């Protein structure tokens, strides 16, 4: 047990010293492994396990009790949060946003290499571009990305922890579940190899490329139509996405419409959310159609 814990801890990325650690713990194997390793990383006195109950099924209160017992076993503090979700479209996304709303921004999650590979494939079929193919970015809130799902389960088994299986994880109406249970096994069979490991390596390479392009695009002024039109198209697109991003970056079609305006192929274009990009005297500007400026000045090319 201790040897496996030490091996997995060495491949995890927890902060050194006495930095407080908040773990989002659902009661599944990945989040329980996160709790175990966080406590082993520098003392359980700095660890708090937070359970979020979505209230979506009967008996969900028992899951919080199980997490509280596990936290007490390792000497960590425990906190419970509850959010209310009604049935409706995009349940997975709404549940994720609800969790974020009650968790502190530095809360750690038990995402593993499989989660990153699944995210990469989901982004591929959405057409998310280079940044989407970079998978889940490593960072202080994702300390287990180098671990495999089989390893978190092995750790829980070695520790004598009974993890909970969320029934929704087997629901084929969620696209991620179909990627997990159908697409990845099929790719393993076709490639005759462990595709998750391949995807994780590819994500690392693509992430480096994406970061390089993003750094170069920082010097490009997205409101300068001439500079935007003359720039390499990969940098121009990135500058536009950075300029127009709000909760989510603009889609590819919106970016191409703005590029067309910068090139002089049009004087204005809709970008969604009742907003337009307009070109005046070779400058691009955002216009909120709910509050248009006194003079819209579309005459300049």
Protein backbone atom coordinates (compact mmCIF):
# COMPACT_ATOMS: atom_id res chain seq x y z
CA UNK A 1 0.00 0.00 0.00
CA UNK A 2 2.69 2.50 1.03
CA UNK A 3 4.83 1.72 -2.00
CA UNK A 4 1.96 2.31 -4.44
CA UNK A 5 1.04 5.52 -2.66
CA UNK A 6 4.64 6.72 -2.87
CA UNK A 7 4.92 5.77 -6.54
CA UNK A 8 1.77 7.65 -7.52
CA UNK A 9 2.64 10.62 -5.32
CA UNK A 10 5.98 10.97 -7.13
CA UNK A 11 4.09 11.35 -10.43
CA UNK A 12 1.56 13.79 -9.02
CA UNK A 13 1.87 17.57 -8.80
CA UNK A 14 0.94 18.82 -5.35
CA UNK A 15 2.26 22.11 -3.97
CA UNK A 16 5.19 21.93 -1.58
CA UNK A 17 5.29 23.04 2.02
CA UNK A 18 2.27 24.10 4.00
CA UNK A 19 0.13 25.43 1.13
CA UNK A 20 -3.55 24.70 1.93
CA UNK A 21 -5.13 22.10 -0.36
CA UNK A 22 -8.83 21.93 -1.18
CA UNK A 23 -9.93 18.72 -2.89
CA UNK A 24 -13.24 18.31 -4.68
CA UNK A 25 -14.22 14.79 -3.64
CA UNK A 26 -17.29 13.16 -5.17
CA UNK A 27 -16.64 9.73 -3.68
CA UNK A 28 -15.45 8.21 -6.94
CA UNK A 29 -12.10 6.45 -7.18
CA UNK A 30 -10.30 9.35 -8.85
CA UNK A 31 -11.32 11.95 -6.26
CA UNK A 32 -10.71 9.59 -3.33
CA UNK A 33 -7.23 8.93 -4.70
CA UNK A 34 -6.79 12.70 -4.90
CA UNK A 35 -7.67 12.93 -1.19
CA UNK A 36 -5.29 10.14 -0.20
CA UNK A 37 -2.38 11.57 -2.17
CA UNK A 38 -3.03 15.14 -1.05
CA UNK A 39 -2.86 14.04 2.58
CA UNK A 40 0.35 12.13 1.87
CA UNK A 41 1.91 15.08 0.05
CA UNK A 42 2.53 17.27 3.05
CA UNK A 43 0.26 16.54 5.94
CA UNK A 44 -3.48 16.07 6.25
CA UNK A 45 -3.76 19.18 8.45
CA UNK A 46 -3.59 21.34 5.33
CA UNK A 47 -6.20 19.35 3.36
CA UNK A 48 -9.95 20.02 3.10
CA UNK A 49 -12.25 17.64 1.24
CA UNK A 50 -15.32 19.34 -0.26
CA UNK A 51 -18.27 17.30 -1.47
CA UNK A 52 -20.87 18.87 -3.78
CA UNK A 53 -24.31 17.27 -3.78
CA UNK A 54 -26.29 18.04 -6.94
CA UNK A 55 -29.49 16.56 -5.52
CA UNK A 56 -30.14 14.68 -8.75
CA UNK A 57 -30.90 11.26 -7.28
CA UNK A 58 -32.23 9.67 -4.13
CA UNK A 59 -29.64 8.77 -1.55
CA UNK A 60 -27.09 11.36 -2.68
CA UNK A 61 -26.73 12.49 0.95
CA UNK A 62 -25.09 9.12 1.71
CA UNK A 63 -22.29 9.99 -0.72
CA UNK A 64 -21.41 13.05 1.36
CA UNK A 65 -21.32 10.87 4.48
CA UNK A 66 -18.95 8.42 2.78
CA UNK A 67 -16.61 11.26 1.79
CA UNK A 68 -16.76 12.68 5.32
CA UNK A 69 -15.75 9.28 6.73
CA UNK A 70 -12.85 9.01 4.27
CA UNK A 71 -11.66 12.52 5.13
CA UNK A 72 -11.78 11.75 8.84
CA UNK A 73 -9.81 8.55 8.31
CA UNK A 74 -6.91 10.52 6.79
CA UNK A 75 -7.21 13.47 9.16
CA UNK A 76 -8.49 15.96 6.60
CA UNK A 77 -11.21 18.52 7.17
CA UNK A 78 -14.57 18.05 5.46
CA UNK A 79 -17.12 20.47 4.04
CA UNK A 80 -20.39 19.79 2.23
CA UNK A 81 -22.00 21.93 -0.45
CA UNK A 82 -25.38 21.49 -2.10
CA UNK A 83 -26.63 22.84 -5.43
CA UNK A 84 -30.05 22.49 -6.99
CA UNK A 85 -30.37 21.30 -10.58
CA UNK A 86 -33.54 20.59 -12.47
CA UNK A 87 -33.82 18.21 -15.39
CA UNK A 88 -33.16 19.83 -18.76
CA UNK A 89 -30.72 20.06 -21.66
CA UNK A 90 -26.94 20.08 -21.21
CA UNK A 91 -27.21 18.58 -17.73
CA UNK A 92 -23.51 17.70 -17.62
CA UNK A 93 -22.46 21.26 -18.45
CA UNK A 94 -24.94 22.77 -15.99
CA UNK A 95 -23.77 20.44 -13.24
CA UNK A 96 -20.17 21.41 -13.94
CA UNK A 97 -20.98 25.12 -13.74
CA UNK A 98 -22.95 24.59 -10.54
CA UNK A 99 -19.97 22.83 -8.94
CA UNK A 100 -17.67 25.65 -9.94
CA UNK A 101 -20.02 28.18 -8.40
CA UNK A 102 -19.67 26.65 -4.92
CA UNK A 103 -16.03 25.52 -5.07
CA UNK A 104 -13.14 27.95 -4.59
CA UNK A 105 -11.16 28.61 -7.79
CA UNK A 106 -8.11 26.77 -6.45
CA UNK A 107 -10.00 23.56 -5.64
CA UNK A 108 -8.23 20.48 -6.97
CA UNK A 109 -9.99 17.81 -8.99
CA UNK A 110 -9.09 14.18 -9.66
CA UNK A 111 -8.81 14.43 -13.45
CA UNK A 112 -6.55 11.73 -14.91
CA UNK A 113 -4.85 11.03 -18.23
CA UNK A 114 -8.05 9.40 -19.48
CA UNK A 115 -9.98 12.61 -18.81
CA UNK A 116 -7.48 14.58 -20.88
CA UNK A 117 -7.65 12.06 -23.76
CA UNK A 118 -11.46 12.10 -23.68
CA UNK A 119 -11.48 15.89 -23.70
CA UNK A 120 -9.12 15.92 -26.67
CA UNK A 121 -11.41 13.61 -28.67
CA UNK A 122 -14.54 15.54 -27.71
CA UNK A 123 -12.88 18.77 -28.82
CA UNK A 124 -11.81 17.11 -32.07
CA UNK A 125 -15.37 16.22 -33.05
CA UNK A 126 -16.51 19.72 -32.04
CA UNK A 127 -13.92 21.29 -34.33
CA UNK A 128 -12.27 23.15 -31.45
CA UNK A 129 -8.92 23.72 -33.19
CA UNK A 130 -5.39 23.54 -31.82
CA UNK A 131 -6.23 24.70 -28.29
CA UNK A 132 -8.96 22.08 -28.00
CA UNK A 133 -6.57 19.35 -29.13
CA UNK A 134 -4.21 20.34 -26.32
CA UNK A 135 -6.46 18.41 -23.94
CA UNK A 136 -6.70 19.39 -20.28
CA UNK A 137 -3.93 21.77 -19.39
CA UNK A 138 -1.75 20.77 -16.44
CA UNK A 139 -1.90 23.19 -13.56
CA UNK A 140 -2.19 23.50 -9.78
CA UNK A 141 -5.82 22.32 -9.76
CA UNK A 142 -5.12 19.13 -11.77
CA UNK A 143 -2.37 17.25 -9.87
CA UNK A 144 -3.28 13.74 -11.12
CA UNK A 145 -3.12 14.27 -14.90
CA UNK A 146 -0.07 12.00 -15.19
CA UNK A 147 -1.95 9.10 -13.53
CA UNK A 148 -4.21 6.56 -15.17
CA UNK A 149 -7.73 5.74 -14.06
CA UNK A 150 -6.68 2.14 -13.38
CA UNK A 151 -4.05 3.45 -10.97
CA UNK A 152 -6.50 5.54 -8.92
CA UNK A 153 -8.68 2.46 -8.55
CA UNK A 154 -5.69 0.34 -7.60
CA UNK A 155 -4.77 2.90 -4.93
CA UNK A 156 -8.28 2.93 -3.48
CA UNK A 157 -8.31 -0.88 -3.42
CA UNK A 158 -4.93 -0.97 -1.68
CA UNK A 159 -6.15 1.58 0.89
CA UNK A 160 -9.34 -0.40 1.52
CA UNK A 161 -11.53 2.44 0.27
CA UNK A 162 -14.86 1.61 -1.33
CA UNK A 163 -15.49 4.13 -4.07
CA UNK A 164 -18.84 5.13 -5.48
CA UNK A 165 -19.84 4.63 -9.10
CA UNK A 166 -21.98 7.47 -10.43
CA UNK A 167 -24.76 5.83 -12.50
CA UNK A 168 -24.66 8.76 -14.92
CA UNK A 169 -21.16 7.68 -15.99
CA UNK A 170 -22.75 4.76 -17.86
CA UNK A 171 -25.48 6.85 -19.51
CA UNK A 172 -24.88 6.82 -23.30
CA UNK A 173 -26.89 10.03 -23.69
CA UNK A 174 -23.76 11.85 -22.48
CA UNK A 175 -21.24 12.13 -25.31
CA UNK A 176 -18.26 11.79 -22.99
CA UNK A 177 -19.53 8.39 -21.87
CA UNK A 178 -19.70 7.16 -25.44
CA UNK A 179 -16.14 8.35 -26.00
CA UNK A 180 -15.07 6.57 -22.81
CA UNK A 181 -16.91 3.28 -23.26
CA UNK A 182 -17.13 2.97 -27.04
CA UNK A 183 -14.68 5.17 -28.94
CA UNK A 184 -11.52 4.70 -26.88
CA UNK A 185 -11.82 0.89 -26.73
CA UNK A 186 -12.45 0.84 -30.49
CA UNK A 187 -9.38 3.02 -31.12
CA UNK A 188 -7.29 0.73 -28.88
CA UNK A 189 -8.45 -2.22 -30.96
CA UNK A 190 -7.78 -0.53 -34.31
CA UNK A 191 -4.37 0.80 -33.28
CA UNK A 192 -3.44 -2.34 -31.34
CA UNK A 193 -2.00 -0.14 -28.62
CA UNK A 194 -2.92 2.06 -25.64
CA UNK A 195 -4.38 5.08 -27.42
CA UNK A 196 -4.75 7.16 -24.25
CA UNK A 197 -0.97 7.26 -23.89
CA UNK A 198 -0.64 8.31 -27.54
CA UNK A 199 -3.25 11.06 -27.17
CA UNK A 200 -1.63 12.41 -24.02
CA UNK A 201 1.74 12.69 -25.80
CA UNK A 202 0.10 14.37 -28.79
CA UNK A 203 -1.68 16.82 -26.49
CA UNK A 204 1.68 17.80 -24.96
CA UNK A 205 3.14 18.52 -28.40
CA UNK A 206 0.08 20.45 -29.56
CA UNK A 207 -0.03 22.41 -26.31
CA UNK A 208 3.53 23.62 -26.89
CA UNK A 209 2.63 24.70 -30.44
CA UNK A 210 -0.52 26.45 -29.20
CA UNK A 211 1.41 28.31 -26.49
CA UNK A 212 4.03 29.46 -29.00
CA UNK A 213 1.38 30.81 -31.37
CA UNK A 214 -0.46 32.48 -28.51
CA UNK A 215 2.71 34.29 -27.41
CA UNK A 216 3.38 35.53 -30.95
CA UNK A 217 -0.25 36.67 -31.34
CA UNK A 218 0.00 38.87 -28.23
CA UNK A 219 1.96 41.51 -30.17
CA UNK A 220 -0.68 41.73 -32.91
CA UNK A 221 -3.28 44.48 -32.48
CA UNK A 222 -6.63 42.90 -33.44
CA UNK A 223 -8.17 46.32 -34.07
CA UNK A 224 -5.56 47.24 -36.72
CA UNK A 225 -7.21 45.99 -39.93
CA UNK A 226 -4.09 46.35 -42.08
CA UNK A 227 -1.85 44.53 -39.60
CA UNK A 228 -4.45 41.81 -39.12
CA UNK A 229 -4.85 41.27 -42.86
CA UNK A 230 -1.09 41.13 -43.40
CA UNK A 231 -0.31 38.78 -40.51
CA UNK A 232 0.01 35.00 -40.90
CA UNK A 233 -3.53 33.70 -40.75
CA UNK A 234 -2.85 31.50 -37.69
CA UNK A 235 -1.74 34.54 -35.68
CA UNK A 236 -4.57 36.72 -36.98
CA UNK A 237 -7.14 34.15 -35.95
CA UNK A 238 -5.64 33.90 -32.47
CA UNK A 239 -5.59 37.67 -32.03
CA UNK A 240 -9.27 37.86 -33.01
CA UNK A 241 -10.26 35.03 -30.65
CA UNK A 242 -8.44 36.75 -27.79
CA UNK A 243 -10.12 40.07 -28.60
CA UNK A 244 -13.66 38.69 -28.87
CA UNK A 245 -13.54 36.09 -26.10
CA UNK A 246 -16.07 36.48 -23.29
CA UNK A 247 -17.27 33.37 -21.47
CA UNK A 248 -16.26 31.33 -24.52
CA UNK A 249 -14.05 32.06 -27.53
CA UNK A 250 -15.84 32.83 -30.80
CA UNK A 251 -16.41 29.99 -33.24
CA UNK A 252 -14.39 29.56 -36.42
CA UNK A 253 -17.07 31.04 -38.67
CA UNK A 254 -17.18 34.24 -36.60
CA UNK A 255 -13.40 34.58 -36.71
CA UNK A 256 -13.42 34.19 -40.51
CA UNK A 257 -16.11 36.88 -40.86
CA UNK A 258 -13.99 39.31 -38.84
CA UNK A 259 -10.95 38.48 -40.97
CA UNK A 260 -12.97 39.24 -44.09
CA UNK A 261 -13.84 42.66 -42.69
CA UNK A 262 -10.16 43.29 -41.89
CA UNK A 263 -9.24 42.40 -45.48
CA UNK A 264 -11.77 44.83 -46.90
CA UNK A 265 -14.18 42.18 -48.12
CA UNK A 266 -16.97 43.74 -46.06
CA UNK A 267 -17.52 46.72 -43.82
CA UNK A 268 -19.14 44.97 -40.87
CA UNK A 269 -20.15 41.54 -39.60
CA UNK A 270 -22.28 40.08 -36.84
CA UNK A 271 -20.38 38.21 -34.13
CA UNK A 272 -23.34 37.09 -32.00
CA UNK A 273 -24.71 38.42 -28.75
CA UNK A 274 -26.19 41.43 -30.55
CA UNK A 275 -22.69 42.67 -31.37
CA UNK A 276 -20.92 43.61 -34.59
CA UNK A 277 -17.37 44.26 -35.68
CA UNK A 278 -17.14 47.31 -37.93
CA UNK A 279 -14.24 48.80 -39.91
CA UNK A 280 -13.65 52.55 -40.01
CA UNK A 281 -10.48 54.13 -41.38
CA UNK A 282 -8.69 50.77 -41.20
CA UNK A 283 -9.59 50.28 -37.54
CA UNK A 284 -11.89 47.54 -36.26
CA UNK A 285 -14.27 48.26 -33.41
CA UNK A 286 -16.89 46.39 -31.46
CA UNK A 287 -20.42 47.77 -31.59
CA UNK A 288 -23.14 46.69 -29.18
CA UNK A 289 -26.34 46.81 -31.23
CA UNK A 290 -28.36 47.36 -28.07
CA UNK A 291 -26.46 50.63 -27.55
CA UNK A 292 -25.24 51.82 -30.98
CA UNK A 293 -22.93 54.84 -31.10
CA UNK A 294 -24.36 58.15 -32.37
CA UNK A 295 -22.43 57.79 -35.64
CA UNK A 296 -21.84 54.32 -37.03
CA UNK A 297 -19.39 55.50 -39.73
CA UNK A 298 -19.36 52.57 -42.14
CA UNK A 299 -17.97 54.55 -45.07
CA UNK A 300 -14.21 54.10 -44.60
CA UNK A 301 -12.31 51.33 -46.31
